[in-house]
Protein backbone atom coordinates (compact mmCIF):
# COMPACT_ATOMS: atom_id res chain seq x y z
CA UNK A 1 174.38 81.79 202.02
CA UNK A 2 175.11 85.45 201.33
CA UNK A 3 172.91 87.07 198.71
CA UNK A 4 172.99 90.56 197.24
CA UNK A 5 169.53 91.72 196.14
CA UNK A 6 168.90 94.53 193.64
CA UNK A 7 165.53 96.15 192.91
CA UNK A 8 164.91 98.91 190.33
CA UNK A 9 161.55 98.00 188.82
CA UNK A 10 159.85 101.37 189.27
CA UNK A 11 160.76 104.39 191.39
CA UNK A 12 162.87 102.92 194.20
CA UNK A 13 166.57 102.18 193.80
CA UNK A 14 167.26 99.46 196.36
CA UNK A 15 169.91 96.96 197.38
CA UNK A 16 170.02 94.50 200.27
CA UNK A 17 172.52 92.15 201.87
CA UNK A 18 171.11 88.83 203.09
CA UNK A 19 173.06 86.34 205.21
CA UNK A 20 171.54 82.90 205.82
CA UNK A 21 168.07 84.31 205.28
CA UNK A 22 168.53 87.26 207.65
CA UNK A 23 168.34 90.82 206.32
CA UNK A 24 171.59 92.53 207.33
CA UNK A 25 171.11 95.69 205.27
CA UNK A 26 168.15 96.98 203.28
CA UNK A 27 168.93 100.29 201.55
CA UNK A 28 166.29 102.22 199.60
CA UNK A 29 166.69 105.45 197.64
CA UNK A 30 163.23 106.86 196.96
CA UNK A 31 162.23 108.98 193.99
CA UNK A 32 159.01 110.24 195.59
CA UNK A 33 160.14 113.87 195.73
CA UNK A 34 161.25 113.75 192.09
CA UNK A 35 157.94 112.45 190.72
CA UNK A 36 155.74 114.47 193.06
CA UNK A 37 156.26 117.53 190.86
CA UNK A 38 154.48 115.72 188.02
CA UNK A 39 151.87 114.00 190.15
CA UNK A 40 152.97 110.54 188.99
CA UNK A 41 155.90 108.47 187.77
CA UNK A 42 157.67 109.61 184.61
CA UNK A 43 159.51 106.53 183.24
CA UNK A 44 162.39 108.41 181.60
CA UNK A 45 163.07 110.41 184.75
CA UNK A 46 162.89 107.25 186.85
CA UNK A 47 165.51 105.52 184.70
CA UNK A 48 167.90 108.48 184.94
CA UNK A 49 167.46 108.62 188.72
CA UNK A 50 168.28 104.91 188.98
CA UNK A 51 171.50 105.45 187.03
CA UNK A 52 172.52 108.17 189.49
CA UNK A 53 171.60 106.21 192.61
CA UNK A 54 172.58 102.62 191.85
CA UNK A 55 176.29 102.79 192.78
CA UNK A 56 175.85 104.71 196.08
CA UNK A 57 173.00 102.38 197.07
CA UNK A 58 175.01 99.25 196.28
CA UNK A 59 177.99 100.60 198.19
CA UNK A 60 175.88 101.34 201.26
CA UNK A 61 174.11 97.99 201.14
CA UNK A 62 177.31 96.00 200.95
CA UNK A 63 179.03 98.16 203.53
CA UNK A 64 182.19 96.52 204.79
CA UNK A 65 180.90 93.03 204.04
CA UNK A 66 182.84 92.65 200.80
CA UNK A 67 186.13 93.48 202.49
CA UNK A 68 185.45 91.31 205.52
CA UNK A 69 183.70 88.30 204.04
CA UNK A 70 184.31 88.53 200.32
CA UNK A 71 181.69 88.66 197.56
CA UNK A 72 178.21 87.19 197.94
CA UNK A 73 177.38 83.61 197.01
CA UNK A 74 174.86 84.89 194.50
CA UNK A 75 173.05 87.95 193.17
CA UNK A 76 169.28 88.29 192.83
CA UNK A 77 167.82 91.07 190.69
CA UNK A 78 164.33 92.08 189.65
CA UNK A 79 164.05 91.56 185.91
CA UNK A 80 160.23 91.47 185.59
CA UNK A 81 157.73 93.18 185.48
CA UNK A 82 158.28 96.95 185.64
CA UNK A 83 159.46 99.95 183.68
CA UNK A 84 161.85 98.79 180.98
CA UNK A 85 164.41 101.54 181.52
CA UNK A 86 164.32 101.19 185.29
CA UNK A 87 164.66 97.40 185.17
CA UNK A 88 167.59 97.68 182.78
CA UNK A 89 169.65 99.66 185.28
CA UNK A 90 169.39 97.01 187.97
CA UNK A 91 169.91 94.08 185.62
CA UNK A 92 172.98 95.72 184.06
CA UNK A 93 174.50 96.32 187.50
CA UNK A 94 173.76 92.74 188.56
CA UNK A 95 175.38 91.30 185.42
CA UNK A 96 178.50 93.44 185.90
CA UNK A 97 178.92 92.33 189.52
CA UNK A 98 178.20 88.68 188.73
CA UNK A 99 180.89 88.81 186.04
CA UNK A 100 183.37 90.57 188.31
CA UNK A 101 182.87 88.17 191.22
CA UNK A 102 182.11 85.05 189.16
CA UNK A 103 179.02 84.25 191.18
CA UNK A 104 175.58 82.98 190.11
CA UNK A 105 172.95 85.46 188.96
CA UNK A 106 169.20 84.90 189.19
CA UNK A 107 166.36 87.03 187.87
CA UNK A 108 163.37 87.45 190.19
CA UNK A 109 159.75 88.31 189.45
CA UNK A 110 158.84 91.43 191.41
CA UNK A 111 155.60 89.88 192.70
CA UNK A 112 157.41 86.75 193.87
CA UNK A 113 159.59 89.09 195.90
CA UNK A 114 156.50 90.50 197.59
CA UNK A 115 155.02 87.03 198.13
CA UNK A 116 158.15 85.78 199.89
CA UNK A 117 158.85 89.01 201.80
CA UNK A 118 157.57 87.56 205.12
CA UNK A 119 160.25 84.82 205.03
CA UNK A 120 163.24 86.64 206.51
CA UNK A 121 165.08 84.50 209.06
CA UNK A 122 164.47 85.31 212.71
CA UNK A 123 160.85 86.30 212.16
CA UNK A 124 157.68 84.17 212.43
CA UNK A 125 157.29 82.53 209.04
CA UNK A 126 154.11 81.38 207.32
CA UNK A 127 153.54 77.66 206.81
CA UNK A 128 153.01 76.07 203.42
CA UNK A 129 150.51 76.11 201.89
CA UNK A 130 149.02 79.50 202.64
CA UNK A 131 146.99 82.25 200.99
CA UNK A 132 148.74 85.47 199.99
CA UNK A 133 146.94 88.75 199.37
CA UNK A 134 149.15 90.92 197.15
CA UNK A 135 148.07 94.56 197.20
CA UNK A 136 150.10 97.33 195.58
CA UNK A 137 149.78 100.25 193.22
CA UNK A 138 149.71 98.01 190.18
CA UNK A 139 148.63 94.61 191.51
CA UNK A 140 145.74 93.16 193.46
CA UNK A 141 145.84 89.37 193.58
CA UNK A 142 145.00 86.41 195.78
CA UNK A 143 147.64 83.71 195.37
CA UNK A 144 147.78 80.20 196.78
CA UNK A 145 151.41 79.58 197.80
CA UNK A 146 152.25 75.88 198.07
CA UNK A 147 156.03 76.37 198.20
CA UNK A 148 158.61 78.88 196.95
CA UNK A 149 158.11 78.96 193.20
CA UNK A 150 154.76 77.16 193.33
CA UNK A 151 151.96 79.71 192.97
CA UNK A 152 148.38 79.60 191.75
CA UNK A 153 146.48 82.85 191.17
CA UNK A 154 142.97 82.54 192.63
CA UNK A 155 141.74 86.07 192.02
CA UNK A 156 143.02 89.23 190.36
CA UNK A 157 141.76 92.64 189.35
CA UNK A 158 139.93 93.00 186.06
CA UNK A 159 140.79 96.70 185.83
CA UNK A 160 142.45 98.93 188.41
CA UNK A 161 144.42 97.83 191.46
CA UNK A 162 143.52 98.82 195.02
CA UNK A 163 146.58 101.06 195.23
CA UNK A 164 145.36 103.00 192.20
CA UNK A 165 142.04 103.60 193.94
CA UNK A 166 143.86 104.98 196.98
CA UNK A 167 146.02 107.26 194.85
CA UNK A 168 143.10 108.49 192.72
CA UNK A 169 141.04 109.22 195.82
CA UNK A 170 143.94 111.10 197.35
CA UNK A 171 144.31 113.29 194.25
CA UNK A 172 140.57 114.04 194.23
CA UNK A 173 140.88 115.15 197.85
CA UNK A 174 143.86 117.36 197.05
CA UNK A 175 146.38 115.24 198.94
CA UNK A 176 149.02 115.13 196.22
CA UNK A 177 151.32 112.27 195.21
CA UNK A 178 151.82 109.65 196.49
CA UNK A 179 148.54 109.79 198.31
CA UNK A 180 148.09 106.47 200.09
CA UNK A 181 149.70 107.45 203.37
CA UNK A 182 148.20 110.94 203.37
CA UNK A 183 144.72 109.50 202.79
CA UNK A 184 145.24 107.07 205.66
CA UNK A 185 146.14 109.92 208.00
CA UNK A 186 143.15 112.01 206.90
CA UNK A 187 140.84 109.02 207.37
CA UNK A 188 141.80 108.64 211.05
CA UNK A 189 139.39 111.42 212.02
CA UNK A 190 136.69 110.56 209.50
CA UNK A 191 133.37 108.72 209.62
CA UNK A 192 133.66 105.68 207.33
CA UNK A 193 129.87 105.38 207.17
CA UNK A 194 129.25 108.95 206.04
CA UNK A 195 129.34 108.26 202.30
CA UNK A 196 128.09 105.07 200.66
CA UNK A 197 130.67 103.87 198.15
CA UNK A 198 130.36 100.68 196.05
CA UNK A 199 131.97 97.27 196.55
CA UNK A 200 132.31 95.92 193.01
CA UNK A 201 131.72 92.26 192.10
CA UNK A 202 130.79 91.14 195.64
CA UNK A 203 129.62 87.73 194.44
CA UNK A 204 132.61 86.91 192.22
CA UNK A 205 135.42 85.52 194.32
CA UNK A 206 137.80 85.31 191.36
CA UNK A 207 137.78 89.00 190.45
CA UNK A 208 138.55 92.36 192.01
CA UNK A 209 137.48 95.65 190.45
CA UNK A 210 138.24 99.18 191.63
CA UNK A 211 137.55 101.32 188.56
CA UNK A 212 133.92 101.83 189.58
CA UNK A 213 134.99 102.92 193.04
CA UNK A 214 137.29 105.53 191.52
CA UNK A 215 134.41 106.83 189.43
CA UNK A 216 132.08 106.88 192.43
CA UNK A 217 134.65 108.85 194.41
CA UNK A 218 134.95 111.44 191.64
CA UNK A 219 131.17 111.79 191.43
CA UNK A 220 131.00 112.20 195.21
CA UNK A 221 133.55 115.00 195.19
CA UNK A 222 131.77 116.75 192.31
CA UNK A 223 128.34 116.38 193.89
CA UNK A 224 129.24 117.54 197.38
CA UNK A 225 131.49 120.39 196.35
CA UNK A 226 132.43 122.61 199.28
CA UNK A 227 130.09 120.66 201.56
CA UNK A 228 132.30 117.58 201.26
CA UNK A 229 133.92 116.34 204.46
CA UNK A 230 137.37 115.34 203.25
CA UNK A 231 138.04 113.24 206.34
CA UNK A 232 134.75 111.36 206.00
CA UNK A 233 135.34 110.84 202.28
CA UNK A 234 138.82 109.48 202.94
CA UNK A 235 137.52 107.15 205.64
CA UNK A 236 134.66 105.97 203.41
CA UNK A 237 136.99 105.26 200.50
CA UNK A 238 139.45 103.40 202.71
CA UNK A 239 136.65 101.32 204.21
CA UNK A 240 135.33 100.39 200.75
CA UNK A 241 138.75 99.19 199.62
CA UNK A 242 139.52 97.31 202.82
CA UNK A 243 136.11 95.67 202.92
CA UNK A 244 136.40 94.38 199.34
CA UNK A 245 139.87 92.98 199.97
CA UNK A 246 139.09 91.32 203.29
CA UNK A 247 135.79 89.75 202.19
CA UNK A 248 137.32 88.10 199.14
CA UNK A 249 140.45 87.03 201.00
CA UNK A 250 138.39 85.27 203.68
CA UNK A 251 136.25 83.63 201.01
CA UNK A 252 139.32 82.25 199.25
CA UNK A 253 140.83 81.11 202.54
CA UNK A 254 137.69 79.09 203.26
CA UNK A 255 137.32 77.69 199.75
CA UNK A 256 140.95 76.54 199.65
CA UNK A 257 140.79 75.09 203.16
CA UNK A 258 143.86 77.03 204.26
CA UNK A 259 144.78 78.04 207.79
CA UNK A 260 147.26 80.86 207.18
CA UNK A 261 147.27 84.13 205.26
CA UNK A 262 149.92 86.67 204.35
CA UNK A 263 149.42 90.31 203.36
CA UNK A 264 152.14 91.82 201.15
CA UNK A 265 152.75 94.74 198.79
CA UNK A 266 152.83 98.50 199.20
CA UNK A 267 149.21 98.76 200.35
CA UNK A 268 150.00 96.23 203.09
CA UNK A 269 151.46 99.22 204.93
CA UNK A 270 147.92 100.57 205.36
CA UNK A 271 147.15 100.15 209.05
CA UNK A 272 143.41 99.74 208.60
CA UNK A 273 143.90 96.90 206.13
CA UNK A 274 146.53 95.20 208.31
CA UNK A 275 144.46 95.30 211.47
CA UNK A 276 141.13 94.47 209.83
CA UNK A 277 142.59 91.44 208.07
CA UNK A 278 144.46 90.36 211.22
CA UNK A 279 141.24 90.49 213.26
CA UNK A 280 139.31 88.65 210.54
CA UNK A 281 141.89 85.85 210.48
CA UNK A 282 141.74 85.54 214.25
CA UNK A 283 137.95 85.17 214.06
CA UNK A 284 138.21 82.22 211.69
CA UNK A 285 141.18 80.62 213.43
CA UNK A 286 143.77 81.38 210.75
CA UNK A 287 147.33 82.61 211.29
CA UNK A 288 148.18 86.01 209.87
CA UNK A 289 151.56 87.25 208.66
CA UNK A 290 152.72 90.49 207.10
CA UNK A 291 156.24 91.91 206.66
CA UNK A 292 157.54 94.95 208.56
CA UNK A 293 156.53 98.31 207.08
CA UNK A 294 159.91 98.81 205.39
CA UNK A 295 159.46 95.57 203.45
CA UNK A 296 155.93 96.29 202.22
CA UNK A 297 156.85 98.93 199.66
CA UNK A 298 159.35 98.06 196.92
CA UNK A 299 162.68 96.98 198.41
CA UNK A 300 165.60 94.70 197.64
CA UNK A 301 165.40 92.55 200.78
CA UNK A 302 162.36 90.79 199.34
CA UNK A 303 164.23 90.21 196.07
CA UNK A 304 167.20 88.78 197.95
CA UNK A 305 164.88 86.49 199.94
CA UNK A 306 163.14 85.23 196.80
CA UNK A 307 166.47 84.84 195.04
CA UNK A 308 167.94 82.87 197.94
CA UNK A 309 165.24 80.21 197.55
CA UNK A 310 166.03 79.91 193.85
CA UNK A 311 169.79 79.88 194.33
CA UNK A 312 169.46 77.20 197.02
CA UNK A 313 167.72 75.00 194.44
CA UNK A 314 170.59 75.49 192.01
CA UNK A 315 168.70 77.86 189.76
CA UNK A 316 170.65 80.56 187.94
CA UNK A 317 170.56 82.70 184.80
CA UNK A 318 173.37 83.47 182.39
CA UNK A 319 174.39 86.87 181.08
CA UNK A 320 171.64 86.74 178.46
CA UNK A 321 169.15 87.55 181.22
CA UNK A 322 166.84 90.23 179.85
CA UNK A 323 164.21 92.53 181.29
CA UNK A 324 160.53 91.70 180.83
CA UNK A 325 158.39 94.78 181.48
CA UNK A 326 155.17 92.77 181.14
CA UNK A 327 155.32 89.32 182.73
CA UNK A 328 152.59 87.44 184.56
CA UNK A 329 153.43 85.51 187.68
CA UNK A 330 151.60 82.49 186.28
CA UNK A 331 154.11 82.29 183.41
CA UNK A 332 157.16 82.69 185.67
C-alpha cells in the first residue's frame, strides 16, 4: 500500500511517501527561524507559511513516484488537534488531491501519529500491548496501546507539558526559541545535583504537573542572579523533568503488567530522556522502542503510518472532513 501523509498541525509543513509501511520520503519544512523572532509560534504567521510551503513540500515528497507508479492508494492528513489555520491548509490540500486522484482520504489524530511512529517497516517494532510515553511541547501522556486505534490514557498533565517546562527554562537562561535542544547542549557540562528543583505529584501515578517546576526555575534564576551557573541550572532542570517522566512511566509499566515501552513526541529527541528510560527498561526487563530523531518532532511519516493502519481496515473520510483544533485522543 502506498500512502501519502500530510502534516500541518503547528509550525512544520511536512509530507511523506510510505510504501508497504516503509518510509520512502519524509520531507519537513520548518518554521523555526520565522517564529524565533517573536519567541514563540504566531498562529496567523504559521498558517501563511504553510500556504507558501505546502506545494513545494508535496512535490518533493512525491518525487518521481507519481510518474512511475501512479497516485497513492490513500491519503492520510492530520485534522486534529492543532492550530485551526495551520490544520486547514493540510486538510484542504489532502481533499484536493483525493478528489483529483479518486483515492480514499483519512483524517489522523496528531497524537496517534506520534504513538504509531515507531511502526515503520524494516525497523524493530513494539509488541501489543505496550505502554507509550508521549512527550511534546503540548502533550505529556502515558497511554496503554492495545492495538492501532485502541488506546487508554493512564496519566496526563494537569497543567503544563514537559516540553513547555524545557522551553520556559531555556528562555529564563537566555537560550532563545526553541530552547529544548539548546538547553540539552548546555546541560552536558552541568551538575544536575547543583540546584534542588521539585518533582510535582510524586505519589499520583495518574497525573503529571510541570507548572510548579517552571515557577521554581524562575525563582532560582531571580534568587541566584549573576551567581547562577547556567550549565548547572540547565542540567538540574533537565534532571527534574526526566526523573518525573521516568518514575511515572515505570510505575505504569508495572501496574499494567506490560513488558514493552515506547517513547514518542518532540521531547523524545532529548538524549538524556532516551538513555535514562532505555536503561530503566533494561533494569526491569522491558523492551524499549523510540523512533529515529527525525520522526520524534512533528513529521508526516508518522501520519502516513497511522493512516495506513486505518486505510488497511477500510476506514476513510469523505470530503466533509473538518479540522478539530481541540480534540482528545480518548474521543478519537
